[in-house]
PDB file of N, CA and C in Angstrom:
ATOM      1  N   UNK A   1       0.833  -1.174   0.000  1.00  0.00           N
ATOM      2  CA  UNK A   1       0.000   0.000   0.000  1.00  0.00           C
ATOM      3  C   UNK A   1       0.885   1.247   0.000  1.00  0.00           C
ATOM      4  N   UNK A   2       0.545   2.211  -0.817  1.00  0.00           N
ATOM      5  CA  UNK A   2       1.298   3.458  -0.911  1.00  0.00           C
ATOM      6  C   UNK A   2       0.606   4.516  -0.059  1.00  0.00           C
ATOM      7  N   UNK A   3       1.395   5.180   0.794  1.00  0.00           N
ATOM      8  CA  UNK A   3       0.840   6.244   1.644  1.00  0.00           C
ATOM      9  C   UNK A   3       0.542   7.479   0.805  1.00  0.00           C
ATOM     10  N   UNK A   4      -0.622   8.061   1.039  1.00  0.00           N
ATOM     11  CA  UNK A   4      -0.987   9.297   0.336  1.00  0.00           C
ATOM     12  C   UNK A   4      -0.367  10.483   1.054  1.00  0.00           C
ATOM     13  N   UNK A   5       0.199  11.388   0.293  1.00  0.00           N
ATOM     14  CA  UNK A   5       0.862  12.561   0.847  1.00  0.00           C
ATOM     15  C   UNK A   5      -0.051  13.775   0.930  1.00  0.00           C
ATOM     16  N   UNK A   6      -1.284  13.679   0.432  1.00  0.00           N
ATOM     17  CA  UNK A   6      -2.160  14.843   0.366  1.00  0.00           C
ATOM     18  C   UNK A   6      -3.176  14.876   1.505  1.00  0.00           C
ATOM     19  N   UNK A   7      -2.876  14.228   2.613  1.00  0.00           N
ATOM     20  CA  UNK A   7      -3.804  14.195   3.739  1.00  0.00           C
ATOM     21  C   UNK A   7      -3.270  15.010   4.907  1.00  0.00           C
ATOM     22  N   UNK A   8      -4.207  15.524   5.664  1.00  0.00           N
ATOM     23  CA  UNK A   8      -3.872  16.280   6.869  1.00  0.00           C
ATOM     24  C   UNK A   8      -4.719  15.779   8.008  1.00  0.00           C
ATOM     25  N   UNK A   9      -4.206  15.952   9.204  1.00  0.00           N
ATOM     26  CA  UNK A   9      -4.965  15.645  10.401  1.00  0.00           C
ATOM     27  C   UNK A   9      -4.829  16.825  11.339  1.00  0.00           C
ATOM     28  N   UNK A  10      -5.943  17.354  11.782  1.00  0.00           N
ATOM     29  CA  UNK A  10      -5.942  18.430  12.765  1.00  0.00           C
ATOM     30  C   UNK A  10      -6.471  17.845  14.060  1.00  0.00           C
ATOM     31  N   UNK A  11      -5.701  17.981  15.121  1.00  0.00           N
ATOM     32  CA  UNK A  11      -6.075  17.443  16.418  1.00  0.00           C
ATOM     33  C   UNK A  11      -6.125  18.583  17.413  1.00  0.00           C
ATOM     34  N   UNK A  12      -7.218  18.685  18.123  1.00  0.00           N
ATOM     35  CA  UNK A  12      -7.313  19.672  19.189  1.00  0.00           C
ATOM     36  C   UNK A  12      -7.502  18.933  20.503  1.00  0.00           C
ATOM     37  N   UNK A  13      -6.995  19.540  21.559  1.00  0.00           N
ATOM     38  CA  UNK A  13      -7.119  18.905  22.863  1.00  0.00           C
ATOM     39  C   UNK A  13      -7.060  19.966  23.945  1.00  0.00           C
ATOM     40  N   UNK A  14      -7.716  19.678  25.041  1.00  0.00           N
ATOM     41  CA  UNK A  14      -7.617  20.540  26.215  1.00  0.00           C
ATOM     42  C   UNK A  14      -6.713  19.900  27.259  1.00  0.00           C
ATOM     43  N   UNK A  15      -6.093  18.790  26.901  1.00  0.00           N
ATOM     44  CA  UNK A  15      -5.205  18.088  27.817  1.00  0.00           C
ATOM     45  C   UNK A  15      -3.763  18.294  27.349  1.00  0.00           C
ATOM     46  N   UNK A  16      -2.949  19.027  28.106  1.00  0.00           N
ATOM     47  CA  UNK A  16      -1.588  19.305  27.661  1.00  0.00           C
ATOM     48  C   UNK A  16      -0.705  18.064  27.541  1.00  0.00           C
ATOM     49  N   UNK A  17      -1.073  16.961  28.169  1.00  0.00           N
ATOM     50  CA  UNK A  17      -0.259  15.749  28.074  1.00  0.00           C
ATOM     51  C   UNK A  17      -0.188  15.205  26.650  1.00  0.00           C
ATOM     52  N   UNK A  18      -1.160  15.562  25.808  1.00  0.00           N
ATOM     53  CA  UNK A  18      -1.131  15.151  24.402  1.00  0.00           C
ATOM     54  C   UNK A  18       0.134  15.680  23.731  1.00  0.00           C
ATOM     55  N   UNK A  19       0.601  16.834  24.161  1.00  0.00           N
ATOM     56  CA  UNK A  19       1.784  17.450  23.562  1.00  0.00           C
ATOM     57  C   UNK A  19       3.017  16.573  23.692  1.00  0.00           C
ATOM     58  N   UNK A  20       3.085  15.795  24.756  1.00  0.00           N
ATOM     59  CA  UNK A  20       4.285  14.992  25.009  1.00  0.00           C
ATOM     60  C   UNK A  20       4.460  13.859  24.000  1.00  0.00           C
ATOM     61  N   UNK A  21       3.431  13.528  23.264  1.00  0.00           N
ATOM     62  CA  UNK A  21       3.521  12.463  22.272  1.00  0.00           C
ATOM     63  C   UNK A  21       3.843  12.950  20.869  1.00  0.00           C
ATOM     64  N   UNK A  22       4.012  14.252  20.690  1.00  0.00           N
ATOM     65  CA  UNK A  22       4.262  14.787  19.352  1.00  0.00           C
ATOM     66  C   UNK A  22       5.736  14.643  18.961  1.00  0.00           C
ATOM     67  N   UNK A  23       6.003  14.100  17.778  1.00  0.00           N
ATOM     68  CA  UNK A  23       7.387  13.993  17.310  1.00  0.00           C
ATOM     69  C   UNK A  23       7.827  15.317  16.666  1.00  0.00           C
ATOM     70  N   UNK A  24       8.199  16.280  17.476  1.00  0.00           N
ATOM     71  CA  UNK A  24       8.469  17.626  16.971  1.00  0.00           C
ATOM     72  C   UNK A  24       9.722  17.738  16.108  1.00  0.00           C
ATOM     73  N   UNK A  25      10.572  16.736  16.143  1.00  0.00           N
ATOM     74  CA  UNK A  25      11.750  16.762  15.265  1.00  0.00           C
ATOM     75  C   UNK A  25      11.382  16.406  13.823  1.00  0.00           C
ATOM     76  N   UNK A  26      10.155  15.933  13.615  1.00  0.00           N
ATOM     77  CA  UNK A  26       9.641  15.633  12.281  1.00  0.00           C
ATOM     78  C   UNK A  26       8.998  16.904  11.741  1.00  0.00           C
ATOM     79  N   UNK A  27       9.562  17.484  10.689  1.00  0.00           N
ATOM     80  CA  UNK A  27       9.067  18.765  10.166  1.00  0.00           C
ATOM     81  C   UNK A  27       7.661  18.657   9.580  1.00  0.00           C
ATOM     82  N   UNK A  28       7.195  17.451   9.328  1.00  0.00           N
ATOM     83  CA  UNK A  28       5.833  17.286   8.821  1.00  0.00           C
ATOM     84  C   UNK A  28       4.801  17.459   9.934  1.00  0.00           C
ATOM     85  N   UNK A  29       5.251  17.426  11.185  1.00  0.00           N
ATOM     86  CA  UNK A  29       4.358  17.609  12.330  1.00  0.00           C
ATOM     87  C   UNK A  29       4.447  19.071  12.744  1.00  0.00           C
ATOM     88  N   UNK A  30       3.318  19.739  12.755  1.00  0.00           N
ATOM     89  CA  UNK A  30       3.279  21.165  13.081  1.00  0.00           C
ATOM     90  C   UNK A  30       2.433  21.381  14.324  1.00  0.00           C
ATOM     91  N   UNK A  31       2.853  22.297  15.164  1.00  0.00           N
ATOM     92  CA  UNK A  31       2.140  22.641  16.385  1.00  0.00           C
ATOM     93  C   UNK A  31       1.733  24.106  16.311  1.00  0.00           C
ATOM     94  N   UNK A  32       0.462  24.364  16.634  1.00  0.00           N
ATOM     95  CA  UNK A  32      -0.061  25.720  16.607  1.00  0.00           C
ATOM     96  C   UNK A  32      -0.706  26.044  17.944  1.00  0.00           C
ATOM     97  N   UNK A  33      -0.686  27.327  18.308  1.00  0.00           N
ATOM     98  CA  UNK A  33      -1.449  27.785  19.464  1.00  0.00           C
ATOM     99  C   UNK A  33      -2.619  28.604  18.929  1.00  0.00           C
ATOM    100  N   UNK A  34      -3.713  28.552  19.637  1.00  0.00           N
ATOM    101  CA  UNK A  34      -4.908  29.324  19.272  1.00  0.00           C
ATOM    102  C   UNK A  34      -5.312  30.120  20.498  1.00  0.00           C
ATOM    103  N   UNK A  35      -5.414  31.428  20.332  1.00  0.00           N
ATOM    104  CA  UNK A  35      -5.758  32.327  21.432  1.00  0.00           C
ATOM    105  C   UNK A  35      -6.780  33.346  20.938  1.00  0.00           C
ATOM    106  N   UNK A  36      -7.291  34.107  21.864  1.00  0.00           N
ATOM    107  CA  UNK A  36      -8.153  35.242  21.535  1.00  0.00           C
ATOM    108  C   UNK A  36      -7.370  36.520  21.821  1.00  0.00           C
ATOM    109  N   UNK A  37      -7.502  37.483  20.915  1.00  0.00           N
ATOM    110  CA  UNK A  37      -6.873  38.778  21.136  1.00  0.00           C
ATOM    111  C   UNK A  37      -7.710  39.567  22.145  1.00  0.00           C
ATOM    112  N   UNK A  38      -7.211  40.732  22.544  1.00  0.00           N
ATOM    113  CA  UNK A  38      -7.957  41.598  23.461  1.00  0.00           C
ATOM    114  C   UNK A  38      -9.295  42.035  22.866  1.00  0.00           C
ATOM    115  N   UNK A  39      -9.389  41.998  21.548  1.00  0.00           N
ATOM    116  CA  UNK A  39     -10.629  42.386  20.864  1.00  0.00           C
ATOM    117  C   UNK A  39     -11.523  41.190  20.548  1.00  0.00           C
ATOM    118  N   UNK A  40     -11.126  40.007  21.008  1.00  0.00           N
ATOM    119  CA  UNK A  40     -11.945  38.823  20.814  1.00  0.00           C
ATOM    120  C   UNK A  40     -11.722  38.071  19.521  1.00  0.00           C
ATOM    121  N   UNK A  41     -10.720  38.479  18.739  1.00  0.00           N
ATOM    122  CA  UNK A  41     -10.432  37.791  17.485  1.00  0.00           C
ATOM    123  C   UNK A  41      -9.569  36.553  17.752  1.00  0.00           C
ATOM    124  N   UNK A  42      -9.776  35.537  16.942  1.00  0.00           N
ATOM    125  CA  UNK A  42      -8.982  34.320  17.059  1.00  0.00           C
ATOM    126  C   UNK A  42      -7.618  34.551  16.435  1.00  0.00           C
ATOM    127  N   UNK A  43      -6.575  34.186  17.169  1.00  0.00           N
ATOM    128  CA  UNK A  43      -5.201  34.340  16.703  1.00  0.00           C
ATOM    129  C   UNK A  43      -4.554  32.955  16.698  1.00  0.00           C
ATOM    130  N   UNK A  44      -4.092  32.532  15.523  1.00  0.00           N
ATOM    131  CA  UNK A  44      -3.429  31.234  15.382  1.00  0.00           C
ATOM    132  C   UNK A  44      -1.964  31.492  15.060  1.00  0.00           C
ATOM    133  N   UNK A  45      -1.077  30.859  15.829  1.00  0.00           N
ATOM    134  CA  UNK A  45       0.361  31.023  15.612  1.00  0.00           C
ATOM    135  C   UNK A  45       1.025  29.654  15.569  1.00  0.00           C
ATOM    136  N   UNK A  46       1.947  29.492  14.647  1.00  0.00           N
ATOM    137  CA  UNK A  46       2.720  28.255  14.609  1.00  0.00           C
ATOM    138  C   UNK A  46       3.819  28.334  15.665  1.00  0.00           C
ATOM    139  N   UNK A  47       3.968  27.260  16.413  1.00  0.00           N
ATOM    140  CA  UNK A  47       5.052  27.169  17.391  1.00  0.00           C
ATOM    141  C   UNK A  47       6.286  26.696  16.638  1.00  0.00           C
ATOM    142  N   UNK A  48       7.299  27.550  16.615  1.00  0.00           N
ATOM    143  CA  UNK A  48       8.546  27.186  15.946  1.00  0.00           C
ATOM    144  C   UNK A  48       9.339  26.262  16.857  1.00  0.00           C
ATOM    145  N   UNK A  49       9.673  25.109  16.347  1.00  0.00           N
ATOM    146  CA  UNK A  49      10.483  24.160  17.113  1.00  0.00           C
ATOM    147  C   UNK A  49      11.926  24.623  16.994  1.00  0.00           C
ATOM    148  N   UNK A  50      12.440  25.164  18.098  1.00  0.00           N
ATOM    149  CA  UNK A  50      13.798  25.705  18.085  1.00  0.00           C
ATOM    150  C   UNK A  50      14.686  24.943  19.071  1.00  0.00           C
ATOM    151  N   UNK A  51      15.946  25.325  19.102  1.00  0.00           N
ATOM    152  CA  UNK A  51      16.915  24.646  19.952  1.00  0.00           C
ATOM    153  C   UNK A  51      16.528  24.738  21.425  1.00  0.00           C
ATOM    154  N   UNK A  52      16.037  25.878  21.861  1.00  0.00           N
ATOM    155  CA  UNK A  52      15.654  26.056  23.264  1.00  0.00           C
ATOM    156  C   UNK A  52      14.544  25.087  23.668  1.00  0.00           C
ATOM    157  N   UNK A  53      13.533  24.977  22.841  1.00  0.00           N
ATOM    158  CA  UNK A  53      12.416  24.077  23.113  1.00  0.00           C
ATOM    159  C   UNK A  53      12.888  22.621  23.190  1.00  0.00           C
ATOM    160  N   UNK A  54      13.719  22.224  22.214  1.00  0.00           N
ATOM    161  CA  UNK A  54      14.222  20.855  22.190  1.00  0.00           C
ATOM    162  C   UNK A  54      15.201  20.586  23.321  1.00  0.00           C
ATOM    163  N   UNK A  55      16.054  21.570  23.658  1.00  0.00           N
ATOM    164  CA  UNK A  55      16.998  21.388  24.760  1.00  0.00           C
ATOM    165  C   UNK A  55      16.268  21.171  26.077  1.00  0.00           C
ATOM    166  N   UNK A  56      15.217  21.943  26.322  1.00  0.00           N
ATOM    167  CA  UNK A  56      14.440  21.768  27.553  1.00  0.00           C
ATOM    168  C   UNK A  56      13.806  20.380  27.598  1.00  0.00           C
ATOM    169  N   UNK A  57      13.308  19.927  26.451  1.00  0.00           N
ATOM    170  CA  UNK A  57      12.708  18.591  26.390  1.00  0.00           C
ATOM    171  C   UNK A  57      13.768  17.530  26.683  1.00  0.00           C
ATOM    172  N   UNK A  58      14.965  17.706  26.123  1.00  0.00           N
ATOM    173  CA  UNK A  58      16.060  16.760  26.356  1.00  0.00           C
ATOM    174  C   UNK A  58      16.512  16.766  27.809  1.00  0.00           C
ATOM    175  N   UNK A  59      16.316  17.898  28.505  1.00  0.00           N
ATOM    176  CA  UNK A  59      16.703  18.018  29.917  1.00  0.00           C
ATOM    177  C   UNK A  59      15.606  17.531  30.854  1.00  0.00           C
ATOM    178  N   UNK A  60      14.543  16.987  30.298  1.00  0.00           N
ATOM    179  CA  UNK A  60      13.497  16.406  31.129  1.00  0.00           C
ATOM    180  C   UNK A  60      12.297  17.293  31.383  1.00  0.00           C
ATOM    181  N   UNK A  61      12.202  18.433  30.684  1.00  0.00           N
ATOM    182  CA  UNK A  61      11.027  19.298  30.820  1.00  0.00           C
ATOM    183  C   UNK A  61      10.122  18.995  29.628  1.00  0.00           C
ATOM    184  N   UNK A  62       9.101  18.167  29.844  1.00  0.00           N
ATOM    185  CA  UNK A  62       8.249  17.767  28.713  1.00  0.00           C
ATOM    186  C   UNK A  62       7.503  18.953  28.116  1.00  0.00           C
ATOM    187  N   UNK A  63       7.058  18.775  26.893  1.00  0.00           N
ATOM    188  CA  UNK A  63       6.362  19.837  26.171  1.00  0.00           C
ATOM    189  C   UNK A  63       5.128  20.308  26.917  1.00  0.00           C
ATOM    190  N   UNK A  64       4.417  19.379  27.560  1.00  0.00           N
ATOM    191  CA  UNK A  64       3.222  19.763  28.315  1.00  0.00           C
ATOM    192  C   UNK A  64       3.575  20.739  29.432  1.00  0.00           C
ATOM    193  N   UNK A  65       4.668  20.492  30.109  1.00  0.00           N
ATOM    194  CA  UNK A  65       5.089  21.388  31.193  1.00  0.00           C
ATOM    195  C   UNK A  65       5.570  22.725  30.637  1.00  0.00           C
ATOM    196  N   UNK A  66       6.243  22.693  29.505  1.00  0.00           N
ATOM    197  CA  UNK A  66       6.686  23.943  28.877  1.00  0.00           C
ATOM    198  C   UNK A  66       5.482  24.802  28.496  1.00  0.00           C
ATOM    199  N   UNK A  67       4.408  24.152  28.034  1.00  0.00           N
ATOM    200  CA  UNK A  67       3.206  24.908  27.686  1.00  0.00           C
ATOM    201  C   UNK A  67       2.605  25.557  28.934  1.00  0.00           C
ATOM    202  N   UNK A  68       2.499  24.784  30.019  1.00  0.00           N
ATOM    203  CA  UNK A  68       1.943  25.317  31.268  1.00  0.00           C
ATOM    204  C   UNK A  68       2.779  26.490  31.766  1.00  0.00           C
ATOM    205  N   UNK A  69       4.092  26.429  31.556  1.00  0.00           N
ATOM    206  CA  UNK A  69       5.002  27.501  31.983  1.00  0.00           C
ATOM    207  C   UNK A  69       4.909  28.722  31.057  1.00  0.00           C
ATOM    208  N   UNK A  70       4.196  28.593  29.935  1.00  0.00           N
ATOM    209  CA  UNK A  70       4.053  29.719  29.001  1.00  0.00           C
ATOM    210  C   UNK A  70       5.203  29.875  28.043  1.00  0.00           C
ATOM    211  N   UNK A  71       6.005  28.837  27.867  1.00  0.00           N
ATOM    212  CA  UNK A  71       7.187  28.914  27.005  1.00  0.00           C
ATOM    213  C   UNK A  71       6.859  29.282  25.572  1.00  0.00           C
ATOM    214  N   UNK A  72       5.770  28.756  25.022  1.00  0.00           N
ATOM    215  CA  UNK A  72       5.478  29.021  23.620  1.00  0.00           C
ATOM    216  C   UNK A  72       4.076  29.558  23.373  1.00  0.00           C
ATOM    217  N   UNK A  73       3.428  30.078  24.388  1.00  0.00           N
ATOM    218  CA  UNK A  73       2.138  30.749  24.192  1.00  0.00           C
ATOM    219  C   UNK A  73       0.959  29.803  24.225  1.00  0.00           C
ATOM    220  N   UNK A  74      -0.204  30.360  24.024  1.00  0.00           N
ATOM    221  CA  UNK A  74      -1.423  29.575  23.993  1.00  0.00           C
ATOM    222  C   UNK A  74      -2.007  29.266  25.358  1.00  0.00           C
ATOM    223  N   UNK A  75      -1.438  29.844  26.421  1.00  0.00           N
ATOM    224  CA  UNK A  75      -1.949  29.601  27.772  1.00  0.00           C
ATOM    225  C   UNK A  75      -3.114  30.542  28.032  1.00  0.00           C
ATOM    226  N   UNK A  76      -4.242  30.021  28.474  1.00  0.00           N
ATOM    227  CA  UNK A  76      -5.396  30.885  28.728  1.00  0.00           C
ATOM    228  C   UNK A  76      -5.100  31.946  29.780  1.00  0.00           C
ATOM    229  N   UNK A  77      -5.604  33.145  29.565  1.00  0.00           N
ATOM    230  CA  UNK A  77      -5.438  34.241  30.508  1.00  0.00           C
ATOM    231  C   UNK A  77      -6.685  34.301  31.390  1.00  0.00           C
ATOM    232  N   UNK A  78      -6.629  33.579  32.498  1.00  0.00           N
ATOM    233  CA  UNK A  78      -7.806  33.544  33.373  1.00  0.00           C
ATOM    234  C   UNK A  78      -7.492  34.124  34.736  1.00  0.00           C
TER     235      UNK A  78
END
């Protein structure tokens, strides 16, 4: 069977532990944050996988914890 390259999967979750299963070193896997602006507009931003993010993960700080700490945005302002 030949894998089709023209497919996408969008996954949303309210559980940050889902982040820990993402293979972020694979450039085909993209992570986005979705927030509301001060005016109520939806703002979508791609999280750039950089050396800092990967170094923290390698040091034992999982992606879910980095999100809770506000490292790459998307944390609700409550």
